[in-house]
Amino acid sequence: MKHFSRSALQLLLRSTILSPLLVILAFGVLAAPMAEARPTGPTNDHRRIALAVAKLMERQHLSRRQLDDEISRRSLETFLKSLDPKKLFFYQSDVDQFMADRNRLDDFFKRGDIQFAHKVFARFLARVEERVSTAHQMLDQPHDFNLDEDMVVEFDAATYPRTPEEAVERWRKRVKFDLLREITEDEDQELSEAIEKLRKRYSSLNKSWNQTDNDELLERYLSAMTSGFDPHSSYMSPSTLENFKIVMSLELDGIGASLRSVDGYTEVHEVIPGGAADEDGRLTKGDRIVGVGQGVDGEIEDIVDMKLNDVVKKIRGKRGTIVRLEVNPVDNPKDREVYEIERARIELKNQEARSTIIEHGQQPDGSPYRIGVIHLPSFYMDMEGARLGLPQ
């Protein structure tokens, strides 16, 4: 639960390749790819992929578990949470309708039937449009910033709204909270400027979800199913596979920072030693990136509530080019700084396997015991290099 007032805000992935798919059975997955257009409905190719993934999971997952009702229920919960993690969009009646099929998703998967995913997502898009319209209306209304109010944001603690009135009230608080955060983080910003910024942010949120295509929806839905076997199993679409290859080769062009999404914010999870951001010296772990601009004078675009993969695509770019980051520093979150960073070639040395010999104690002949230690911070392979027979 978040409690807020103006004064309080001041303190503020074994892998198997099948045609265009890749199922990761041992370690994590990257953010979903940026899509180009909203889903058009299940395709024959996607039905075949879903059927292949279902068979693969049953036959080759280490648990040797079969798709059953329990996996079905886990899949549905994960799928809904991936779409609406703060329970801000769906009504309880929507979820109740989806829950009628909670023990049937396993049967759908075994037939390659992914119509359910499209039905749920179509409803989700309709709710997003409704909520964004409400948010815009709330921006035009006065707010009492001296009134203390509570807002539940944790998925498990929150409930889905049951009525339109409850949904409107939840978004009134959300808008008020976002306004408070804006005007307390940037004390030079006028209320009218904060309102316009949030209006663009909410419109961008609606546009971003409406740009989800068939591949991205399939990835989200099948990953909900594979994670029902274990939380580290995921399905990768072709676009995500390309990102995965970059990480597996341990090199890319960019600023050299690992990012994660936290409560709608893009947060710096790690600054890669020797990378452009590390050399620049200003960006640190925990900083929140709230805007991205291209080149030395490109307009800085607000990225709060933007999908992480979309943010990554904006920050990543050719070596030698400039990206400008608008940042809330972790040590002073009320401030906003703009860091101009030149993208460079990043070698992920800290993710390479390393070995060390440790000498400890003494053998009978007087020589020290020698212990070999192998450190594996991640699993990786240069896939293109492996296909070409290059040494790994």
Protein backbone atom coordinates (compact mmCIF):
# COMPACT_ATOMS: atom_id res chain seq x y z
CA MET A 1 0.00 0.00 0.00
CA LYS A 2 1.19 3.48 -0.76
CA HIS A 3 0.21 6.35 1.49
CA PHE A 4 0.66 9.74 -0.03
CA SER A 5 0.26 13.43 0.43
CA ARG A 6 2.30 16.32 -0.92
CA SER A 7 4.44 16.40 2.19
CA ALA A 8 5.04 12.64 2.12
CA LEU A 9 6.08 12.72 -1.51
CA GLN A 10 8.80 15.11 -0.60
CA LEU A 11 10.56 12.15 1.10
CA LEU A 12 10.38 10.36 -1.58
CA LEU A 13 17.00 -19.15 -19.26
CA ARG A 14 18.87 -26.64 -21.74
CA SER A 15 17.56 -24.71 -24.90
CA THR A 16 15.77 -26.32 -27.93
CA ILE A 17 15.20 -24.65 -31.30
CA LEU A 18 12.07 -25.47 -33.30
CA SER A 19 11.62 -23.46 -36.50
CA PRO A 20 11.16 -19.87 -35.29
CA LEU A 21 10.84 -20.67 -31.60
CA LEU A 22 13.21 -21.12 -28.72
CA VAL A 23 12.16 -22.48 -25.37
CA ILE A 24 14.52 -21.75 -22.52
CA LEU A 25 14.51 -24.48 -19.88
CA ALA A 26 17.44 -23.53 -17.72
CA PHE A 27 17.71 -19.80 -17.32
CA GLY A 28 16.00 -16.45 -17.70
CA VAL A 29 14.48 -14.51 -20.53
CA LEU A 30 14.83 -11.00 -21.87
CA ALA A 31 12.09 -8.45 -22.03
CA ALA A 32 9.45 -9.03 -24.70
CA PRO A 33 10.14 -7.46 -28.11
CA MET A 34 8.72 -4.17 -29.26
CA ALA A 35 5.79 -4.89 -31.56
CA GLU A 36 4.61 -3.13 -34.68
CA ALA A 37 0.80 -3.63 -34.69
CA ARG A 38 -1.99 -4.93 -32.47
CA PRO A 39 -2.84 -8.67 -32.72
CA THR A 40 -4.92 -9.66 -35.76
CA GLY A 41 -5.98 -13.07 -34.42
CA PRO A 42 -4.37 -16.54 -34.21
CA THR A 43 -2.43 -17.63 -37.28
CA ASN A 44 -1.76 -21.19 -38.44
CA ASP A 45 1.94 -20.72 -37.76
CA HIS A 46 1.28 -19.59 -34.21
CA ARG A 47 -1.07 -22.53 -33.61
CA ARG A 48 1.68 -24.91 -34.75
CA ILE A 49 4.19 -23.17 -32.49
CA ALA A 50 1.87 -23.41 -29.48
CA LEU A 51 1.30 -27.13 -30.14
CA ALA A 52 5.05 -27.72 -30.54
CA VAL A 53 5.88 -25.88 -27.31
CA ALA A 54 3.24 -27.86 -25.38
CA LYS A 55 4.64 -31.15 -26.65
CA LEU A 56 8.20 -30.05 -25.98
CA MET A 57 7.47 -29.09 -22.40
CA GLU A 58 5.78 -32.41 -21.65
CA ARG A 59 8.48 -34.53 -23.32
CA GLN A 60 11.69 -32.68 -22.46
CA HIS A 61 11.21 -30.60 -19.34
CA LEU A 62 13.29 -32.01 -16.50
CA SER A 63 10.23 -32.47 -14.31
CA ARG A 64 8.65 -34.87 -16.86
CA ARG A 65 5.38 -33.34 -15.83
CA GLN A 66 2.31 -33.39 -18.03
CA LEU A 67 0.20 -30.36 -18.87
CA ASP A 68 -2.66 -30.56 -16.41
CA ASP A 69 -5.23 -28.45 -14.61
CA GLU A 70 -2.70 -27.13 -12.10
CA ILE A 71 -0.42 -25.89 -14.90
CA SER A 72 -3.52 -24.41 -16.52
CA ARG A 73 -4.42 -22.43 -13.39
CA ARG A 74 -0.83 -21.21 -12.94
CA SER A 75 -0.71 -20.15 -16.59
CA LEU A 76 -3.87 -18.08 -16.31
CA GLU A 77 -2.76 -16.32 -13.14
CA THR A 78 0.66 -15.52 -14.65
CA PHE A 79 -0.86 -14.31 -17.91
CA LEU A 80 -3.28 -11.95 -16.17
CA LYS A 81 -0.56 -10.65 -13.86
CA SER A 82 1.75 -9.97 -16.82
CA LEU A 83 -0.93 -7.76 -18.36
CA ASP A 84 -2.30 -6.03 -15.27
CA PRO A 85 0.23 -6.30 -12.41
CA LYS A 86 -1.43 -3.57 -10.34
CA LYS A 87 -5.03 -4.60 -11.10
CA LEU A 88 -5.73 -1.21 -12.61
CA PHE A 89 -7.45 -2.27 -15.84
CA PHE A 90 -9.56 -5.44 -15.67
CA TYR A 91 -12.86 -5.53 -13.79
CA GLN A 92 -13.47 -8.40 -11.38
CA SER A 93 -16.24 -9.51 -13.77
CA ASP A 94 -13.65 -9.79 -16.56
CA VAL A 95 -11.45 -11.99 -14.41
CA ASP A 96 -14.42 -14.09 -13.28
CA GLN A 97 -15.25 -14.73 -16.93
CA PHE A 98 -11.67 -15.75 -17.69
CA MET A 99 -11.58 -17.98 -14.60
CA ALA A 100 -14.37 -20.11 -16.07
CA ASP A 101 -11.64 -21.56 -18.34
CA ARG A 102 -8.96 -21.86 -15.65
CA ASN A 103 -8.91 -25.70 -15.92
CA ARG A 104 -9.10 -25.77 -19.72
CA LEU A 105 -5.97 -23.91 -20.83
CA ASP A 106 -3.98 -27.16 -20.75
CA ASP A 107 -6.46 -28.69 -23.20
CA PHE A 108 -6.21 -25.60 -25.39
CA PHE A 109 -2.40 -25.78 -25.44
CA LYS A 110 -2.44 -29.47 -26.39
CA ARG A 111 -4.58 -28.57 -29.44
CA GLY A 112 -2.51 -25.53 -30.34
CA ASP A 113 -5.57 -23.39 -29.60
CA ILE A 114 -4.51 -19.87 -28.59
CA GLN A 115 -7.84 -18.13 -29.15
CA PHE A 116 -8.16 -17.64 -25.38
CA ALA A 117 -5.10 -15.36 -25.33
CA HIS A 118 -6.58 -13.17 -28.04
CA LYS A 119 -9.93 -12.99 -26.25
CA VAL A 120 -8.31 -11.90 -23.01
CA PHE A 121 -6.03 -9.40 -24.72
CA ALA A 122 -8.87 -7.83 -26.71
CA ARG A 123 -10.71 -7.23 -23.44
CA PHE A 124 -7.54 -5.83 -21.91
CA LEU A 125 -7.07 -3.32 -24.75
CA ALA A 126 -10.66 -2.16 -24.32
CA ARG A 127 -10.08 -1.61 -20.60
CA VAL A 128 -6.82 0.23 -21.22
CA GLU A 129 -8.59 2.65 -23.54
CA GLU A 130 -11.33 3.17 -20.94
CA ARG A 131 -8.86 3.78 -18.12
CA VAL A 132 -6.70 6.15 -20.16
CA SER A 133 -9.81 8.14 -21.05
CA THR A 134 -10.64 8.29 -17.33
CA ALA A 135 -7.09 9.38 -16.52
CA HIS A 136 -7.32 12.25 -19.00
CA GLN A 137 -10.57 13.35 -17.37
CA MET A 138 -8.98 13.20 -13.93
CA LEU A 139 -6.14 15.42 -15.16
CA ASP A 140 -8.72 18.12 -15.90
CA GLN A 141 -10.15 18.05 -12.39
CA PRO A 142 -8.80 19.80 -9.29
CA HIS A 143 -7.02 17.69 -6.65
CA ASP A 144 -6.65 18.38 -2.95
CA PHE A 145 -2.95 17.79 -2.34
CA ASN A 146 -3.31 18.43 1.37
CA LEU A 147 -5.58 15.41 1.83
CA ASP A 148 -3.85 12.20 2.96
CA GLU A 149 -5.00 9.12 1.00
CA ASP A 150 -3.99 5.46 0.62
CA MET A 151 -3.39 3.52 -2.59
CA VAL A 152 -2.79 -0.26 -2.79
CA VAL A 153 -0.23 -1.15 -5.48
CA GLU A 154 0.94 -4.72 -4.62
CA PHE A 155 -0.70 -7.38 -6.87
CA ASP A 156 -1.53 -9.83 -4.07
CA ALA A 157 -2.96 -7.14 -1.79
CA ALA A 158 -4.95 -5.31 -4.45
CA THR A 159 -8.36 -6.31 -5.77
CA TYR A 160 -9.87 -5.76 -9.20
CA PRO A 161 -12.51 -3.01 -9.31
CA ARG A 162 -16.06 -4.34 -9.30
CA THR A 163 -17.85 -1.28 -10.64
CA PRO A 164 -17.10 1.60 -13.01
CA GLU A 165 -17.26 3.94 -10.04
CA GLU A 166 -14.60 1.95 -8.19
CA ALA A 167 -12.37 1.98 -11.29
CA VAL A 168 -12.76 5.75 -11.65
CA GLU A 169 -11.92 6.30 -7.98
CA ARG A 170 -8.81 4.11 -8.27
CA TRP A 171 -7.61 6.10 -11.25
CA ARG A 172 -8.37 9.39 -9.52
CA LYS A 173 -5.89 8.37 -6.83
CA ARG A 174 -3.41 7.10 -9.41
CA VAL A 175 -3.50 10.39 -11.30
CA LYS A 176 -3.19 12.38 -8.10
CA PHE A 177 -0.21 10.25 -7.02
CA ASP A 178 1.48 10.68 -10.42
CA LEU A 179 0.94 14.44 -10.26
CA LEU A 180 2.39 14.59 -6.75
CA ARG A 181 5.40 12.59 -7.84
CA GLU A 182 6.01 14.86 -10.82
CA ILE A 183 5.79 18.16 -8.99
CA THR A 184 7.85 16.96 -6.01
CA GLU A 185 10.60 15.41 -8.15
CA ASP A 186 10.91 18.57 -10.23
CA GLU A 187 10.16 21.58 -8.06
CA ASP A 188 10.69 23.95 -11.00
CA GLN A 189 7.90 22.25 -12.95
CA GLU A 190 4.54 24.02 -13.03
CA LEU A 191 1.39 22.02 -12.33
CA SER A 192 0.19 22.68 -15.88
CA GLU A 193 3.45 21.24 -17.24
CA ALA A 194 3.09 18.14 -15.07
CA ILE A 195 -0.48 17.66 -16.29
CA GLU A 196 0.57 17.88 -19.93
CA LYS A 197 3.44 15.47 -19.33
CA LEU A 198 1.14 12.92 -17.73
CA ARG A 199 -1.40 13.36 -20.54
CA LYS A 200 1.31 12.36 -23.01
CA ARG A 201 2.43 9.49 -20.76
CA TYR A 202 -1.05 7.98 -20.51
CA SER A 203 -1.58 8.35 -24.28
CA SER A 204 1.78 6.66 -24.83
CA LEU A 205 0.72 3.81 -22.54
CA ASN A 206 -2.41 3.25 -24.60
CA LYS A 207 -0.49 3.48 -27.87
CA SER A 208 2.21 1.08 -26.65
CA TRP A 209 -0.27 -1.66 -25.70
CA ASN A 210 -2.11 -1.19 -29.01
CA GLN A 211 1.18 -1.78 -30.82
CA THR A 212 1.46 -5.29 -29.38
CA ASP A 213 1.57 -7.73 -32.31
CA ASN A 214 0.82 -11.47 -32.70
CA ASP A 215 4.40 -12.50 -31.91
CA GLU A 216 4.55 -10.54 -28.67
CA LEU A 217 1.17 -11.77 -27.48
CA LEU A 218 2.16 -15.37 -28.29
CA GLU A 219 5.41 -14.93 -26.37
CA ARG A 220 3.58 -13.55 -23.33
CA TYR A 221 0.95 -16.34 -23.41
CA LEU A 222 3.32 -19.28 -24.01
CA SER A 223 5.73 -17.96 -21.38
CA ALA A 224 2.85 -17.97 -18.92
CA MET A 225 2.39 -21.66 -19.76
CA THR A 226 6.08 -22.64 -19.60
CA SER A 227 6.53 -20.81 -16.33
CA GLY A 228 3.80 -23.07 -14.96
CA PHE A 229 6.40 -25.87 -15.11
CA ASP A 230 9.06 -23.72 -13.44
CA PRO A 231 9.58 -19.97 -13.17
CA HIS A 232 12.73 -19.98 -15.33
CA SER A 233 11.20 -21.55 -18.45
CA SER A 234 10.19 -19.13 -21.20
CA TYR A 235 9.26 -19.03 -24.85
CA MET A 236 11.14 -16.60 -27.08
CA SER A 237 9.73 -15.01 -30.19
CA PRO A 238 12.11 -14.35 -33.11
CA SER A 239 12.68 -10.75 -32.02
CA THR A 240 13.49 -11.71 -28.45
CA LEU A 241 15.79 -14.46 -29.72
CA GLU A 242 17.84 -11.79 -31.48
CA ASN A 243 18.22 -9.93 -28.19
CA PHE A 244 19.13 -13.22 -26.52
CA LYS A 245 21.89 -13.85 -29.08
CA ILE A 246 23.37 -10.47 -28.25
CA VAL A 247 23.57 -11.34 -24.57
CA MET A 248 24.91 -14.84 -25.30
CA SER A 249 27.76 -13.38 -27.37
CA LEU A 250 28.62 -11.12 -24.44
CA GLU A 251 28.91 -7.99 -26.55
CA LEU A 252 26.65 -5.26 -27.85
CA ASP A 253 26.57 -1.58 -28.76
CA GLY A 254 25.06 0.71 -26.15
CA ILE A 255 25.73 2.51 -22.92
CA GLY A 256 26.61 -0.56 -20.86
CA ALA A 257 23.84 -0.76 -18.30
CA SER A 258 21.45 -3.51 -17.24
CA LEU A 259 17.91 -2.17 -16.74
CA ARG A 260 14.79 -3.44 -15.04
CA SER A 261 11.21 -2.23 -14.66
CA VAL A 262 10.09 -1.26 -11.16
CA ASP A 263 6.62 0.19 -10.59
CA GLY A 264 6.49 1.64 -14.09
CA TYR A 265 9.98 3.12 -13.83
CA THR A 266 13.09 2.01 -15.72
CA GLU A 267 15.70 1.43 -13.04
CA VAL A 268 19.43 0.85 -13.48
CA HIS A 269 20.07 -2.67 -12.17
CA GLU A 270 23.78 -2.71 -12.96
CA VAL A 271 26.39 -0.53 -14.64
CA ILE A 272 28.70 -2.78 -16.67
CA PRO A 273 32.38 -2.26 -15.83
CA GLY A 274 34.28 -0.73 -18.72
CA GLY A 275 31.13 0.34 -20.56
CA ALA A 276 30.21 3.79 -21.76
CA ALA A 277 28.11 4.61 -18.69
CA ASP A 278 30.85 3.35 -16.40
CA GLU A 279 33.44 5.49 -18.17
CA ASP A 280 31.11 8.49 -17.96
CA GLY A 281 30.81 7.90 -14.22
CA ARG A 282 27.47 9.56 -13.49
CA LEU A 283 24.88 6.77 -13.95
CA THR A 284 24.72 4.47 -10.91
CA LYS A 285 22.80 1.41 -9.73
CA GLY A 286 19.32 2.38 -8.52
CA ASP A 287 19.02 5.49 -10.68
CA ARG A 288 15.68 5.83 -12.44
CA ILE A 289 15.66 6.79 -16.12
CA VAL A 290 12.52 8.81 -16.84
CA GLY A 291 13.30 10.24 -20.29
CA VAL A 292 15.40 9.45 -23.38
CA GLY A 293 16.59 11.82 -26.11
CA GLN A 294 18.46 10.99 -29.30
CA GLY A 295 21.55 12.99 -30.23
CA VAL A 296 22.74 16.16 -28.60
CA ASP A 297 19.53 18.09 -29.25
CA GLY A 298 16.73 15.54 -29.84
CA GLU A 299 13.59 16.01 -27.77
CA ILE A 300 13.62 14.01 -24.55
CA GLU A 301 10.73 11.52 -24.58
CA ASP A 302 9.00 10.56 -21.34
CA ILE A 303 9.41 6.77 -20.78
CA VAL A 304 7.63 6.27 -17.45
CA ASP A 305 5.21 3.30 -17.78
CA MET A 306 6.74 2.43 -21.16
CA LYS A 307 7.48 -1.28 -21.74
CA LEU A 308 11.06 -2.11 -20.80
CA ASN A 309 11.97 -3.54 -24.20
CA ASP A 310 10.76 -0.35 -25.88
CA VAL A 311 12.97 1.66 -23.53
CA VAL A 312 15.96 -0.59 -24.27
CA LYS A 313 15.50 -0.07 -28.00
CA LYS A 314 15.56 3.68 -27.50
CA ILE A 315 18.73 3.62 -25.41
CA ARG A 316 20.63 1.02 -27.45
CA GLY A 317 22.19 2.23 -30.71
CA LYS A 318 25.24 2.37 -32.92
CA ARG A 319 28.57 3.04 -31.30
CA GLY A 320 29.70 6.63 -31.58
CA THR A 321 26.17 8.07 -31.41
CA ILE A 322 24.82 10.13 -28.53
CA VAL A 323 21.91 9.31 -26.24
CA ARG A 324 20.65 11.67 -23.53
CA LEU A 325 19.13 10.22 -20.39
CA GLU A 326 16.89 12.14 -18.02
CA VAL A 327 17.54 10.60 -14.62
CA ASN A 328 16.27 10.69 -11.05
CA PRO A 329 19.50 9.91 -9.14
CA VAL A 330 19.12 7.24 -6.47
CA ASP A 331 20.81 9.41 -3.86
CA ASN A 332 18.58 12.41 -4.60
CA PRO A 333 15.32 11.22 -6.26
CA LYS A 334 13.74 14.66 -6.23
CA ASP A 335 16.38 15.93 -8.65
CA ARG A 336 16.36 15.43 -12.41
CA GLU A 337 19.66 15.29 -14.24
CA VAL A 338 20.34 14.89 -17.97
CA TYR A 339 23.36 12.73 -18.84
CA GLU A 340 24.77 12.86 -22.36
CA ILE A 341 26.47 9.50 -23.10
CA GLU A 342 28.24 8.34 -26.27
CA ARG A 343 27.30 4.76 -27.11
CA ALA A 344 30.21 2.33 -27.41
CA ARG A 345 31.02 -1.36 -27.95
CA ILE A 346 30.30 -3.20 -24.73
CA GLU A 347 32.04 -6.44 -23.83
CA LEU A 348 30.22 -8.17 -21.00
CA LYS A 349 33.39 -9.41 -19.32
CA ASN A 350 31.73 -9.64 -15.95
CA GLN A 351 29.44 -12.35 -17.37
CA GLU A 352 32.30 -14.56 -18.62
CA ALA A 353 33.35 -17.74 -16.84
CA ARG A 354 36.42 -17.17 -14.70
CA SER A 355 38.79 -19.46 -12.85
CA THR A 356 40.97 -18.91 -9.82
CA ILE A 357 43.56 -21.01 -8.01
CA ILE A 358 43.51 -20.64 -4.26
CA GLU A 359 46.38 -21.87 -2.13
CA HIS A 360 45.29 -22.88 1.34
CA GLY A 361 46.82 -24.87 4.15
CA GLN A 362 49.84 -27.11 3.86
CA GLN A 363 50.39 -30.66 2.56
CA PRO A 364 52.66 -33.16 4.39
CA ASP A 365 55.52 -32.30 2.03
CA GLY A 366 55.20 -28.67 2.96
CA SER A 367 53.59 -27.50 -0.29
CA PRO A 368 50.24 -25.69 -0.12
CA TYR A 369 46.95 -27.28 -1.09
CA ARG A 370 45.78 -25.80 -4.40
CA ILE A 371 42.02 -25.45 -4.91
CA GLY A 372 40.57 -24.58 -8.31
CA VAL A 373 37.44 -22.39 -8.32
CA ILE A 374 35.30 -21.82 -11.43
CA HIS A 375 32.92 -18.86 -11.31
CA LEU A 376 29.93 -19.01 -13.71
CA PRO A 377 27.99 -15.75 -13.40
CA SER A 378 25.80 -16.69 -16.39
CA PHE A 379 25.32 -19.27 -19.14
CA TYR A 380 26.33 -17.98 -22.55
CA MET A 381 27.46 -18.98 -26.03
CA ASP A 382 28.26 -17.06 -29.20
CA MET A 383 25.65 -18.87 -31.32
CA GLU A 384 26.80 -17.46 -34.64
CA GLY A 385 30.40 -18.28 -33.77
CA ALA A 386 29.44 -21.82 -32.78
CA ARG A 387 27.71 -22.36 -36.13
CA LEU A 388 30.84 -21.12 -37.89
CA GLY A 389 33.04 -23.42 -35.83
CA LEU A 390 34.82 -20.58 -34.05
CA PRO A 391 36.38 -21.25 -30.63
CA GLN A 392 34.13 -20.44 -27.69
